[in-house]
Amino acid sequence: MYMGNKVKYSGLIRWGIIGCGNVTEVKSGPAYQKTEGFQLIAVMRRDAEKVKDYAKRHGVKKYYTNADELINDDEVDAIYIATPPDTHMYYALKVAEAGKPCCIEKPLTPCYKDSFTIYESFKNKQIPLFVAYYRRSLPRFNQVNTWLKNKTIGEIRHVSWQLSRMPNDIDLSGKYNWRTDPKIAPGGYFDDLASHGIDLIIYLLGNIKNVFGISLNQQHLYSAKDAVTACWLHESGATGIGVWNFGCDHNEDRVEIFGSKGKIEFSVFKEEPLILSCNDKQEKVFIENPKNIQLYHVENMKKQLLGKDYVHPSTGYTAIHTSWVMDKILAAGL
């Protein structure tokens, strides 16, 4: 595996973004401007008016409608790919060829095979590759990680995750939505949302060695899958189950980690208190997320690129395991 740097970078690292859509407005883009040692100097979007407007509003000096021009700009040192997943490999291979560090939005690609191709392309050139599974860097989930490492709830026995969502207005209208286009996201919202939580569970409990799933389309509101269930076995011996359904009458998001001495509960997406139950006592801990939720993720990229002996928690190597698990879950679709 390759997770580090061949070259140690120094001074200012100038970033360019390919695909400056909604996710880059607050969640990610400003984090590159707020992180000391990083600078956002270029953005790309095919719509000329929208990319010009984005650059003006965010104070970015360069903007392009052609990704190749941004990738090959000598003033751009590193690139963040924030396009829909079906284009990730296309742009990533170009960035690897240009020899520049890269961060790619999650999921890495819609399938494990393509994710592995991206990973290999950066590994072979020993270029840093990061993936925007930013929950691995959030303080609230690192508190969970601390409890687990300290064996606060004893030996880990089992994890379960229930994610239920009501169909939204776009689903009910029948209008096109790339998130439910099986050519882009075969699992629909499962690809977009469940990838976050599955990757987080892997981060907290370790890699998965066996996984089985069932997936189907229950509502027939769109072509992608809308109902998925899975069970798995971590290398540690802990078991897991997951249920993701996007046609329910209410929204629910609950993870429970069961140990030999207690239990931890939390939400993947809602900013709610972490709940620790052990020794017949219950403790609730609230840790606020930053306004720009990818801030710690971006700051950790700086630690690896500009620091010494630090490895980011979300790399191409960790992301391909998540891709493999996602593929296995969807493999037995009905």
C-alpha atoms as a PDB file:
ATOM      1  CA  MET A   1       0.000   0.000   0.000  1.00  0.00           C
ATOM      2  CA  TYR A   2       1.072   3.610  -0.470  1.00  0.00           C
ATOM      3  CA  MET A   3      -0.217   6.350   1.819  1.00  0.00           C
ATOM      4  CA  GLY A   4       2.596   8.870   2.144  1.00  0.00           C
ATOM      5  CA  ASN A   5       4.593  11.355   0.075  1.00  0.00           C
ATOM      6  CA  LYS A   6       7.497  10.769  -2.245  1.00  0.00           C
ATOM      7  CA  VAL A   7       8.251  14.461  -2.184  1.00  0.00           C
ATOM      8  CA  LYS A   8       7.994  16.714   0.852  1.00  0.00           C
ATOM      9  CA  TYR A   9       6.334  19.970  -0.068  1.00  0.00           C
ATOM     10  CA  SER A  10       7.315  23.291   1.420  1.00  0.00           C
ATOM     11  CA  GLY A  11       5.924  26.779   1.474  1.00  0.00           C
ATOM     12  CA  LEU A  12       2.550  27.627  -0.025  1.00  0.00           C
ATOM     13  CA  ILE A  13       0.483  24.962  -1.823  1.00  0.00           C
ATOM     14  CA  ARG A  14      -1.816  26.515  -4.417  1.00  0.00           C
ATOM     15  CA  TRP A  15      -5.049  24.617  -5.089  1.00  0.00           C
ATOM     16  CA  GLY A  16      -7.461  24.446  -7.984  1.00  0.00           C
ATOM     17  CA  ILE A  17     -10.993  23.046  -7.864  1.00  0.00           C
ATOM     18  CA  ILE A  18     -12.627  21.112 -10.694  1.00  0.00           C
ATOM     19  CA  GLY A  19     -16.397  21.358 -10.315  1.00  0.00           C
ATOM     20  CA  CYS A  20     -17.244  24.344  -8.104  1.00  0.00           C
ATOM     21  CA  GLY A  21     -20.856  23.364  -7.368  1.00  0.00           C
ATOM     22  CA  ASN A  22     -22.900  23.441  -4.168  1.00  0.00           C
ATOM     23  CA  VAL A  23     -20.568  21.260  -2.087  1.00  0.00           C
ATOM     24  CA  THR A  24     -17.757  23.791  -2.552  1.00  0.00           C
ATOM     25  CA  GLU A  25     -19.775  26.865  -1.534  1.00  0.00           C
ATOM     26  CA  VAL A  26     -19.619  26.337   2.246  1.00  0.00           C
ATOM     27  CA  LYS A  27     -18.674  22.746   3.050  1.00  0.00           C
ATOM     28  CA  SER A  28     -15.277  22.574   1.353  1.00  0.00           C
ATOM     29  CA  GLY A  29     -14.103  25.479  -0.793  1.00  0.00           C
ATOM     30  CA  PRO A  30     -13.589  28.045   2.002  1.00  0.00           C
ATOM     31  CA  ALA A  31     -11.581  25.470   3.998  1.00  0.00           C
ATOM     32  CA  TYR A  32      -8.804  25.676   1.401  1.00  0.00           C
ATOM     33  CA  GLN A  33      -8.729  29.449   1.891  1.00  0.00           C
ATOM     34  CA  LYS A  34      -8.754  29.286   5.698  1.00  0.00           C
ATOM     35  CA  THR A  35      -5.985  26.687   6.044  1.00  0.00           C
ATOM     36  CA  GLU A  36      -2.581  28.246   6.620  1.00  0.00           C
ATOM     37  CA  GLY A  37      -0.139  27.066   3.964  1.00  0.00           C
ATOM     38  CA  PHE A  38      -2.904  26.542   1.371  1.00  0.00           C
ATOM     39  CA  GLN A  39      -4.313  28.976  -1.165  1.00  0.00           C
ATOM     40  CA  LEU A  40      -7.253  28.521  -3.543  1.00  0.00           C
ATOM     41  CA  ILE A  41      -6.174  30.210  -6.766  1.00  0.00           C
ATOM     42  CA  ALA A  42      -8.230  28.587  -9.559  1.00  0.00           C
ATOM     43  CA  VAL A  43     -11.667  27.038 -10.123  1.00  0.00           C
ATOM     44  CA  MET A  44     -13.251  25.262 -13.078  1.00  0.00           C
ATOM     45  CA  ARG A  45     -16.834  24.735 -14.177  1.00  0.00           C
ATOM     46  CA  ARG A  46     -18.227  24.199 -17.670  1.00  0.00           C
ATOM     47  CA  ASP A  47     -20.801  26.977 -17.242  1.00  0.00           C
ATOM     48  CA  ALA A  48     -18.862  30.196 -17.933  1.00  0.00           C
ATOM     49  CA  GLU A  49     -21.220  32.539 -16.084  1.00  0.00           C
ATOM     50  CA  LYS A  50     -21.434  30.330 -12.982  1.00  0.00           C
ATOM     51  CA  VAL A  51     -17.688  29.804 -12.684  1.00  0.00           C
ATOM     52  CA  LYS A  52     -17.032  33.518 -13.145  1.00  0.00           C
ATOM     53  CA  ASP A  53     -19.598  34.290 -10.435  1.00  0.00           C
ATOM     54  CA  TYR A  54     -18.065  31.718  -8.069  1.00  0.00           C
ATOM     55  CA  ALA A  55     -14.569  33.137  -8.550  1.00  0.00           C
ATOM     56  CA  LYS A  56     -15.788  36.682  -7.941  1.00  0.00           C
ATOM     57  CA  ARG A  57     -17.758  35.808  -4.787  1.00  0.00           C
ATOM     58  CA  HIS A  58     -14.952  33.721  -3.268  1.00  0.00           C
ATOM     59  CA  GLY A  59     -12.039  35.924  -4.290  1.00  0.00           C
ATOM     60  CA  VAL A  60     -10.398  33.342  -6.581  1.00  0.00           C
ATOM     61  CA  LYS A  61      -8.131  34.954  -9.171  1.00  0.00           C
ATOM     62  CA  LYS A  62      -8.398  32.363 -11.969  1.00  0.00           C
ATOM     63  CA  TYR A  63     -11.346  30.521 -13.464  1.00  0.00           C
ATOM     64  CA  TYR A  64     -11.659  28.068 -16.327  1.00  0.00           C
ATOM     65  CA  THR A  65     -14.340  26.242 -18.299  1.00  0.00           C
ATOM     66  CA  ASN A  66     -11.803  23.607 -19.424  1.00  0.00           C
ATOM     67  CA  ALA A  67     -10.424  21.211 -16.813  1.00  0.00           C
ATOM     68  CA  ASP A  68      -7.263  20.463 -18.781  1.00  0.00           C
ATOM     69  CA  GLU A  69      -6.260  24.112 -18.618  1.00  0.00           C
ATOM     70  CA  LEU A  70      -6.601  24.136 -14.831  1.00  0.00           C
ATOM     71  CA  ILE A  71      -4.805  20.802 -14.397  1.00  0.00           C
ATOM     72  CA  ASN A  72      -1.861  21.962 -16.483  1.00  0.00           C
ATOM     73  CA  ASP A  73      -1.658  25.464 -15.023  1.00  0.00           C
ATOM     74  CA  ASP A  74       1.890  25.783 -13.640  1.00  0.00           C
ATOM     75  CA  GLU A  75       0.605  27.971 -10.796  1.00  0.00           C
ATOM     76  CA  VAL A  76      -1.731  25.210  -9.576  1.00  0.00           C
ATOM     77  CA  ASP A  77       0.158  22.799  -7.306  1.00  0.00           C
ATOM     78  CA  ALA A  78      -2.693  20.509  -6.195  1.00  0.00           C
ATOM     79  CA  ILE A  79      -6.250  19.774  -7.320  1.00  0.00           C
ATOM     80  CA  TYR A  80      -9.568  19.042  -5.618  1.00  0.00           C
ATOM     81  CA  ILE A  81     -12.072  17.143  -7.804  1.00  0.00           C
ATOM     82  CA  ALA A  82     -15.629  17.989  -6.725  1.00  0.00           C
ATOM     83  CA  THR A  83     -17.608  16.714  -9.710  1.00  0.00           C
ATOM     84  CA  PRO A  84     -20.233  13.903  -9.725  1.00  0.00           C
ATOM     85  CA  PRO A  85     -18.685  10.439  -9.144  1.00  0.00           C
ATOM     86  CA  ASP A  86     -18.922   9.189 -12.738  1.00  0.00           C
ATOM     87  CA  THR A  87     -16.285  11.749 -13.836  1.00  0.00           C
ATOM     88  CA  HIS A  88     -13.860  11.227 -10.933  1.00  0.00           C
ATOM     89  CA  MET A  89     -11.664   8.688 -12.716  1.00  0.00           C
ATOM     90  CA  TYR A  90     -11.545  10.724 -15.930  1.00  0.00           C
ATOM     91  CA  TYR A  91     -10.189  13.794 -14.143  1.00  0.00           C
ATOM     92  CA  ALA A  92      -8.120  11.909 -11.559  1.00  0.00           C
ATOM     93  CA  LEU A  93      -6.030  10.116 -14.173  1.00  0.00           C
ATOM     94  CA  LYS A  94      -5.261  13.462 -15.800  1.00  0.00           C
ATOM     95  CA  VAL A  95      -4.189  14.899 -12.435  1.00  0.00           C
ATOM     96  CA  ALA A  96      -1.979  11.871 -11.765  1.00  0.00           C
ATOM     97  CA  GLU A  97      -0.393  12.278 -15.182  1.00  0.00           C
ATOM     98  CA  ALA A  98       0.314  15.917 -14.327  1.00  0.00           C
ATOM     99  CA  GLY A  99       2.043  14.734 -11.130  1.00  0.00           C
ATOM    100  CA  LYS A 100      -0.042  16.799  -8.710  1.00  0.00           C
ATOM    101  CA  PRO A 101      -1.487  15.883  -5.284  1.00  0.00           C
ATOM    102  CA  CYS A 102      -5.231  15.398  -5.426  1.00  0.00           C
ATOM    103  CA  CYS A 103      -8.294  15.280  -3.214  1.00  0.00           C
ATOM    104  CA  ILE A 104     -11.397  13.617  -4.679  1.00  0.00           C
ATOM    105  CA  GLU A 105     -14.966  13.902  -3.434  1.00  0.00           C
ATOM    106  CA  LYS A 106     -16.599  10.749  -2.129  1.00  0.00           C
ATOM    107  CA  PRO A 107     -17.441   8.142  -3.184  1.00  0.00           C
ATOM    108  CA  LEU A 108     -14.139   7.714  -5.009  1.00  0.00           C
ATOM    109  CA  THR A 109     -15.984   6.240  -8.030  1.00  0.00           C
ATOM    110  CA  PRO A 110     -19.249   4.307  -8.540  1.00  0.00           C
ATOM    111  CA  CYS A 111     -17.352   0.982  -8.566  1.00  0.00           C
ATOM    112  CA  TYR A 112     -14.358  -0.661  -6.887  1.00  0.00           C
ATOM    113  CA  LYS A 113     -12.560  -1.453 -10.168  1.00  0.00           C
ATOM    114  CA  ASP A 114     -12.369   2.205 -11.186  1.00  0.00           C
ATOM    115  CA  SER A 115     -11.488   3.280  -7.635  1.00  0.00           C
ATOM    116  CA  PHE A 116      -8.570   0.852  -7.656  1.00  0.00           C
ATOM    117  CA  THR A 117      -7.420   2.209 -11.038  1.00  0.00           C
ATOM    118  CA  ILE A 118      -7.254   5.712  -9.551  1.00  0.00           C
ATOM    119  CA  TYR A 119      -5.409   4.468  -6.471  1.00  0.00           C
ATOM    120  CA  GLU A 120      -2.846   2.601  -8.582  1.00  0.00           C
ATOM    121  CA  SER A 121      -2.228   5.609 -10.839  1.00  0.00           C
ATOM    122  CA  PHE A 122      -1.237   7.777  -7.860  1.00  0.00           C
ATOM    123  CA  LYS A 123       0.589   4.968  -6.071  1.00  0.00           C
ATOM    124  CA  ASN A 124       2.763   4.217  -9.096  1.00  0.00           C
ATOM    125  CA  LYS A 125       3.876   7.851  -9.244  1.00  0.00           C
ATOM    126  CA  GLN A 126       4.022   8.143  -5.444  1.00  0.00           C
ATOM    127  CA  ILE A 127       1.748  11.181  -5.497  1.00  0.00           C
ATOM    128  CA  PRO A 128      -0.484  11.914  -2.465  1.00  0.00           C
ATOM    129  CA  LEU A 129      -4.155  11.059  -2.999  1.00  0.00           C
ATOM    130  CA  PHE A 130      -6.871  12.045  -0.516  1.00  0.00           C
ATOM    131  CA  VAL A 131     -10.612  11.354  -0.531  1.00  0.00           C
ATOM    132  CA  ALA A 132     -13.187  13.649   1.089  1.00  0.00           C
ATOM    133  CA  TYR A 133     -14.438  11.268   3.755  1.00  0.00           C
ATOM    134  CA  TYR A 134     -14.100  14.197   6.122  1.00  0.00           C
ATOM    135  CA  ARG A 135     -15.881  12.565   9.066  1.00  0.00           C
ATOM    136  CA  ARG A 136     -12.629  10.758   9.850  1.00  0.00           C
ATOM    137  CA  SER A 137     -11.222  14.173  10.794  1.00  0.00           C
ATOM    138  CA  LEU A 138     -14.184  15.630  12.708  1.00  0.00           C
ATOM    139  CA  PRO A 139     -13.650  16.069  16.482  1.00  0.00           C
ATOM    140  CA  ARG A 140     -17.047  14.535  17.336  1.00  0.00           C
ATOM    141  CA  PHE A 141     -16.165  11.231  15.712  1.00  0.00           C
ATOM    142  CA  ASN A 142     -12.622  11.288  17.037  1.00  0.00           C
ATOM    143  CA  GLN A 143     -14.224  11.402  20.490  1.00  0.00           C
ATOM    144  CA  VAL A 144     -15.985   8.145  19.599  1.00  0.00           C
ATOM    145  CA  ASN A 145     -12.652   6.788  18.394  1.00  0.00           C
ATOM    146  CA  THR A 146     -11.030   7.743  21.711  1.00  0.00           C
ATOM    147  CA  TRP A 147     -13.732   5.907  23.682  1.00  0.00           C
ATOM    148  CA  LEU A 148     -13.215   2.821  21.551  1.00  0.00           C
ATOM    149  CA  LYS A 149      -9.416   2.874  21.802  1.00  0.00           C
ATOM    150  CA  ASN A 150      -9.649   3.337  25.568  1.00  0.00           C
ATOM    151  CA  LYS A 151     -12.048   0.347  25.725  1.00  0.00           C
ATOM    152  CA  THR A 152     -14.579   2.502  27.544  1.00  0.00           C
ATOM    153  CA  ILE A 153     -17.319   0.068  26.457  1.00  0.00           C
ATOM    154  CA  GLY A 154     -15.039  -2.969  26.617  1.00  0.00           C
ATOM    155  CA  GLU A 155     -14.501  -5.292  23.667  1.00  0.00           C
ATOM    156  CA  ILE A 156     -16.490  -4.337  20.575  1.00  0.00           C
ATOM    157  CA  ARG A 157     -19.136  -6.918  19.736  1.00  0.00           C
ATOM    158  CA  HIS A 158     -21.478  -5.412  17.150  1.00  0.00           C
ATOM    159  CA  VAL A 159     -22.437  -2.266  15.224  1.00  0.00           C
ATOM    160  CA  SER A 160     -25.745  -1.375  13.595  1.00  0.00           C
ATOM    161  CA  TRP A 161     -26.763   1.581  11.426  1.00  0.00           C
ATOM    162  CA  GLN A 162     -30.297   2.525  10.458  1.00  0.00           C
ATOM    163  CA  LEU A 163     -30.692   5.294   7.869  1.00  0.00           C
ATOM    164  CA  SER A 164     -34.215   6.036   6.654  1.00  0.00           C
ATOM    165  CA  ARG A 165     -35.279   8.976   4.532  1.00  0.00           C
ATOM    166  CA  MET A 166     -38.559  10.209   3.104  1.00  0.00           C
ATOM    167  CA  PRO A 167     -38.689  10.702  -0.675  1.00  0.00           C
ATOM    168  CA  ASN A 168     -37.950  14.349  -1.443  1.00  0.00           C
ATOM    169  CA  ASP A 169     -39.697  16.740  -3.819  1.00  0.00           C
ATOM    170  CA  ILE A 170     -37.374  15.933  -6.725  1.00  0.00           C
ATOM    171  CA  ASP A 171     -37.997  12.202  -6.284  1.00  0.00           C
ATOM    172  CA  LEU A 172     -41.748  12.704  -6.309  1.00  0.00           C
ATOM    173  CA  SER A 173     -41.651  15.091  -9.286  1.00  0.00           C
ATOM    174  CA  GLY A 174     -39.844  12.658 -11.558  1.00  0.00           C
ATOM    175  CA  LYS A 175     -37.325  15.339 -12.547  1.00  0.00           C
ATOM    176  CA  TYR A 176     -33.775  14.274 -13.378  1.00  0.00           C
ATOM    177  CA  ASN A 177     -31.401  13.954 -10.438  1.00  0.00           C
ATOM    178  CA  TRP A 178     -27.876  12.644 -10.998  1.00  0.00           C
ATOM    179  CA  ARG A 179     -27.877  11.185  -7.488  1.00  0.00           C
ATOM    180  CA  THR A 180     -30.536   8.670  -8.583  1.00  0.00           C
ATOM    181  CA  ASP A 181     -29.169   8.046 -12.083  1.00  0.00           C
ATOM    182  CA  PRO A 182     -27.812   4.456 -12.064  1.00  0.00           C
ATOM    183  CA  LYS A 183     -25.181   5.403 -14.660  1.00  0.00           C
ATOM    184  CA  ILE A 184     -23.683   7.758 -12.067  1.00  0.00           C
ATOM    185  CA  ALA A 185     -24.837   6.218  -8.776  1.00  0.00           C
ATOM    186  CA  PRO A 186     -26.073   2.602  -9.117  1.00  0.00           C
ATOM    187  CA  GLY A 187     -27.165   2.599  -5.471  1.00  0.00           C
ATOM    188  CA  GLY A 188     -28.808   6.014  -5.679  1.00  0.00           C
ATOM    189  CA  TYR A 189     -28.742   7.825  -2.341  1.00  0.00           C
ATOM    190  CA  PHE A 190     -27.012   4.786  -0.864  1.00  0.00           C
ATOM    191  CA  ASP A 191     -23.913   5.697  -2.910  1.00  0.00           C
ATOM    192  CA  ASP A 192     -24.066   9.339  -1.895  1.00  0.00           C
ATOM    193  CA  LEU A 193     -24.987   8.986   1.795  1.00  0.00           C
ATOM    194  CA  ALA A 194     -24.209   5.469   2.999  1.00  0.00           C
ATOM    195  CA  SER A 195     -20.637   5.746   1.733  1.00  0.00           C
ATOM    196  CA  HIS A 196     -20.011   8.378   4.445  1.00  0.00           C
ATOM    197  CA  GLY A 197     -21.239   6.180   7.282  1.00  0.00           C
ATOM    198  CA  ILE A 198     -19.729   2.920   6.043  1.00  0.00           C
ATOM    199  CA  ASP A 199     -16.355   4.616   5.691  1.00  0.00           C
ATOM    200  CA  LEU A 200     -16.726   6.073   9.193  1.00  0.00           C
ATOM    201  CA  ILE A 201     -17.602   2.676  10.688  1.00  0.00           C
ATOM    202  CA  ILE A 202     -14.540   1.168   8.990  1.00  0.00           C
ATOM    203  CA  TYR A 203     -12.418   3.981  10.447  1.00  0.00           C
ATOM    204  CA  LEU A 204     -13.774   3.316  13.943  1.00  0.00           C
ATOM    205  CA  LEU A 205     -13.900  -0.498  13.946  1.00  0.00           C
ATOM    206  CA  GLY A 206     -11.330  -1.530  11.336  1.00  0.00           C
ATOM    207  CA  ASN A 207     -11.523  -3.178   7.921  1.00  0.00           C
ATOM    208  CA  ILE A 208     -14.314  -5.532   6.893  1.00  0.00           C
ATOM    209  CA  LYS A 209     -13.406  -9.009   5.653  1.00  0.00           C
ATOM    210  CA  ASN A 210     -16.834 -10.435   4.753  1.00  0.00           C
ATOM    211  CA  VAL A 211     -19.939  -8.562   3.629  1.00  0.00           C
ATOM    212  CA  PHE A 212     -23.278  -9.525   2.096  1.00  0.00           C
ATOM    213  CA  GLY A 213     -26.112  -7.336   0.874  1.00  0.00           C
ATOM    214  CA  ILE A 214     -29.525  -7.117  -0.721  1.00  0.00           C
ATOM    215  CA  SER A 215     -30.536  -4.105  -2.812  1.00  0.00           C
ATOM    216  CA  LEU A 216     -33.614  -3.274  -4.842  1.00  0.00           C
ATOM    217  CA  ASN A 217     -35.942  -0.534  -6.036  1.00  0.00           C
ATOM    218  CA  GLN A 218     -39.138  -0.517  -3.955  1.00  0.00           C
ATOM    219  CA  GLN A 219     -40.715   2.811  -4.919  1.00  0.00           C
ATOM    220  CA  HIS A 220     -40.051   2.922  -8.687  1.00  0.00           C
ATOM    221  CA  LEU A 221     -39.699   6.697  -8.488  1.00  0.00           C
ATOM    222  CA  TYR A 222     -36.331   6.510 -10.276  1.00  0.00           C
ATOM    223  CA  SER A 223     -34.052   3.865 -11.794  1.00  0.00           C
ATOM    224  CA  ALA A 224     -31.397   3.527  -9.067  1.00  0.00           C
ATOM    225  CA  LYS A 225     -31.772   1.358  -5.957  1.00  0.00           C
ATOM    226  CA  ASP A 226     -33.702   2.847  -3.029  1.00  0.00           C
ATOM    227  CA  ALA A 227     -33.631   0.022  -0.457  1.00  0.00           C
ATOM    228  CA  VAL A 228     -30.460  -1.685   0.770  1.00  0.00           C
ATOM    229  CA  THR A 229     -29.641  -4.014   3.656  1.00  0.00           C
ATOM    230  CA  ALA A 230     -26.306  -5.586   4.595  1.00  0.00           C
ATOM    231  CA  CYS A 231     -24.482  -7.645   7.179  1.00  0.00           C
ATOM    232  CA  TRP A 232     -20.726  -7.861   7.609  1.00  0.00           C
ATOM    233  CA  LEU A 233     -17.793  -9.085   9.684  1.00  0.00           C
ATOM    234  CA  HIS A 234     -14.879  -6.879  10.704  1.00  0.00           C
ATOM    235  CA  GLU A 235     -11.367  -8.295  10.817  1.00  0.00           C
ATOM    236  CA  SER A 236     -11.506  -7.765  14.590  1.00  0.00           C
ATOM    237  CA  GLY A 237     -14.393 -10.236  14.881  1.00  0.00           C
ATOM    238  CA  ALA A 238     -17.059  -7.587  15.486  1.00  0.00           C
ATOM    239  CA  THR A 239     -20.247  -8.040  13.461  1.00  0.00           C
ATOM    240  CA  GLY A 240     -22.308  -5.371  11.739  1.00  0.00           C
ATOM    241  CA  ILE A 241     -25.658  -4.747  10.088  1.00  0.00           C
ATOM    242  CA  GLY A 242     -26.977  -1.822   8.058  1.00  0.00           C
ATOM    243  CA  VAL A 243     -30.379  -0.804   6.716  1.00  0.00           C
ATOM    244  CA  TRP A 244     -30.750   2.100   4.290  1.00  0.00           C
ATOM    245  CA  ASN A 245     -34.160   2.956   2.898  1.00  0.00           C
ATOM    246  CA  PHE A 246     -35.155   6.088   0.992  1.00  0.00           C
ATOM    247  CA  GLY A 247     -38.916   5.583   0.839  1.00  0.00           C
ATOM    248  CA  CYS A 248     -39.963   5.677   4.500  1.00  0.00           C
ATOM    249  CA  ASP A 249     -42.505   7.872   6.288  1.00  0.00           C
ATOM    250  CA  HIS A 250     -39.885   9.560   8.500  1.00  0.00           C
ATOM    251  CA  ASN A 251     -36.182  10.353   8.668  1.00  0.00           C
ATOM    252  CA  GLU A 252     -33.958   8.364  11.003  1.00  0.00           C
ATOM    253  CA  ASP A 253     -30.177   8.137  11.402  1.00  0.00           C
ATOM    254  CA  ARG A 254     -28.863   6.025  14.270  1.00  0.00           C
ATOM    255  CA  VAL A 255     -25.597   4.153  14.781  1.00  0.00           C
ATOM    256  CA  GLU A 256     -25.185   1.900  17.817  1.00  0.00           C
ATOM    257  CA  ILE A 257     -21.854   0.326  18.763  1.00  0.00           C
ATOM    258  CA  PHE A 258     -22.267  -2.444  21.315  1.00  0.00           C
ATOM    259  CA  GLY A 259     -19.398  -3.500  23.574  1.00  0.00           C
ATOM    260  CA  SER A 260     -18.916  -6.040  26.349  1.00  0.00           C
ATOM    261  CA  LYS A 261     -19.336  -3.252  28.940  1.00  0.00           C
ATOM    262  CA  GLY A 262     -21.574  -0.664  27.287  1.00  0.00           C
ATOM    263  CA  LYS A 263     -22.838   1.077  24.166  1.00  0.00           C
ATOM    264  CA  ILE A 264     -22.131   4.208  22.084  1.00  0.00           C
ATOM    265  CA  GLU A 265     -24.864   5.883  20.016  1.00  0.00           C
ATOM    266  CA  PHE A 266     -24.576   8.680  17.476  1.00  0.00           C
ATOM    267  CA  SER A 267     -25.912  10.078  14.227  1.00  0.00           C
ATOM    268  CA  VAL A 268     -23.791  10.144  11.080  1.00  0.00           C
ATOM    269  CA  PHE A 269     -25.457  13.212   9.555  1.00  0.00           C
ATOM    270  CA  LYS A 270     -27.344  15.006  12.335  1.00  0.00           C
ATOM    271  CA  GLU A 271     -25.410  17.267  14.672  1.00  0.00           C
ATOM    272  CA  GLU A 272     -26.663  15.553  17.822  1.00  0.00           C
ATOM    273  CA  PRO A 273     -24.982  14.568  21.123  1.00  0.00           C
ATOM    274  CA  LEU A 274     -22.890  11.419  21.308  1.00  0.00           C
ATOM    275  CA  ILE A 275     -24.379   9.047  23.893  1.00  0.00           C
ATOM    276  CA  LEU A 276     -22.123   6.832  26.011  1.00  0.00           C
ATOM    277  CA  SER A 277     -23.849   4.193  28.163  1.00  0.00           C
ATOM    278  CA  CYS A 278     -21.796   2.077  30.574  1.00  0.00           C
ATOM    279  CA  ASN A 279     -21.767   1.058  34.250  1.00  0.00           C
ATOM    280  CA  ASP A 280     -25.492   1.850  34.477  1.00  0.00           C
ATOM    281  CA  LYS A 281     -24.757   5.493  33.636  1.00  0.00           C
ATOM    282  CA  GLN A 282     -25.380   7.566  30.541  1.00  0.00           C
ATOM    283  CA  GLU A 283     -23.253  10.479  29.353  1.00  0.00           C
ATOM    284  CA  LYS A 284     -24.187  12.854  26.541  1.00  0.00           C
ATOM    285  CA  VAL A 285     -21.415  14.796  24.805  1.00  0.00           C
ATOM    286  CA  PHE A 286     -22.117  17.513  22.231  1.00  0.00           C
ATOM    287  CA  ILE A 287     -19.256  18.543  19.940  1.00  0.00           C
ATOM    288  CA  GLU A 288     -20.104  21.171  17.356  1.00  0.00           C
ATOM    289  CA  ASN A 289     -19.040  20.769  13.748  1.00  0.00           C
ATOM    290  CA  PRO A 290     -17.189  23.633  12.041  1.00  0.00           C
ATOM    291  CA  LYS A 291     -19.189  25.870   9.677  1.00  0.00           C
ATOM    292  CA  ASN A 292     -16.992  24.663   6.806  1.00  0.00           C
ATOM    293  CA  ILE A 293     -17.359  21.002   7.631  1.00  0.00           C
ATOM    294  CA  GLN A 294     -14.317  19.872   5.647  1.00  0.00           C
ATOM    295  CA  LEU A 295     -12.019  22.260   7.544  1.00  0.00           C
ATOM    296  CA  TYR A 296     -10.283  19.619   9.693  1.00  0.00           C
ATOM    297  CA  HIS A 297     -10.050  17.277   6.706  1.00  0.00           C
ATOM    298  CA  VAL A 298      -8.263  20.001   4.715  1.00  0.00           C
ATOM    299  CA  GLU A 299      -6.036  20.962   7.647  1.00  0.00           C
ATOM    300  CA  ASN A 300      -5.015  17.316   7.959  1.00  0.00           C
ATOM    301  CA  MET A 301      -4.008  17.285   4.294  1.00  0.00           C
ATOM    302  CA  LYS A 302      -1.695  20.190   5.113  1.00  0.00           C
ATOM    303  CA  LYS A 303      -0.200  18.161   7.971  1.00  0.00           C
ATOM    304  CA  GLN A 304       0.727  15.385   5.573  1.00  0.00           C
ATOM    305  CA  LEU A 305       1.889  17.558   2.676  1.00  0.00           C
ATOM    306  CA  LEU A 306       3.824  20.110   4.714  1.00  0.00           C
ATOM    307  CA  GLY A 307       4.583  18.144   7.854  1.00  0.00           C
ATOM    308  CA  LYS A 308       6.634  15.100   8.742  1.00  0.00           C
ATOM    309  CA  ASP A 309       5.541  11.484   9.326  1.00  0.00           C
ATOM    310  CA  TYR A 310       1.832  12.329   9.407  1.00  0.00           C
ATOM    311  CA  VAL A 311      -0.600  10.226   7.361  1.00  0.00           C
ATOM    312  CA  HIS A 312      -4.049  11.614   6.629  1.00  0.00           C
ATOM    313  CA  PRO A 313      -6.920   9.428   7.915  1.00  0.00           C
ATOM    314  CA  SER A 314      -8.671   9.422   4.512  1.00  0.00           C
ATOM    315  CA  THR A 315      -6.427   8.452   1.615  1.00  0.00           C
ATOM    316  CA  GLY A 316      -6.895   6.663  -1.675  1.00  0.00           C
ATOM    317  CA  TYR A 317      -5.856   3.466   0.106  1.00  0.00           C
ATOM    318  CA  THR A 318      -8.561   3.711   2.775  1.00  0.00           C
ATOM    319  CA  ALA A 319     -11.177   4.801   0.221  1.00  0.00           C
ATOM    320  CA  ILE A 320     -10.726   1.778  -2.039  1.00  0.00           C
ATOM    321  CA  HIS A 321     -11.647  -0.498   0.864  1.00  0.00           C
ATOM    322  CA  THR A 322     -14.869   1.455   1.301  1.00  0.00           C
ATOM    323  CA  SER A 323     -15.480   1.107  -2.457  1.00  0.00           C
ATOM    324  CA  TRP A 324     -14.963  -2.651  -2.194  1.00  0.00           C
ATOM    325  CA  VAL A 325     -17.500  -2.909   0.647  1.00  0.00           C
ATOM    326  CA  MET A 326     -20.048  -0.801  -1.259  1.00  0.00           C
ATOM    327  CA  ASP A 327     -19.624  -3.011  -4.349  1.00  0.00           C
ATOM    328  CA  LYS A 328     -20.126  -6.170  -2.306  1.00  0.00           C
ATOM    329  CA  ILE A 329     -23.309  -4.830  -0.719  1.00  0.00           C
ATOM    330  CA  LEU A 330     -24.831  -3.922  -4.118  1.00  0.00           C
ATOM    331  CA  ALA A 331     -23.591  -7.064  -5.893  1.00  0.00           C
ATOM    332  CA  ALA A 332     -26.673  -9.131  -5.016  1.00  0.00           C
ATOM    333  CA  GLY A 333     -29.199  -6.537  -6.115  1.00  0.00           C
ATOM    334  CA  LEU A 334     -32.667  -7.725  -7.107  1.00  0.00           C
END
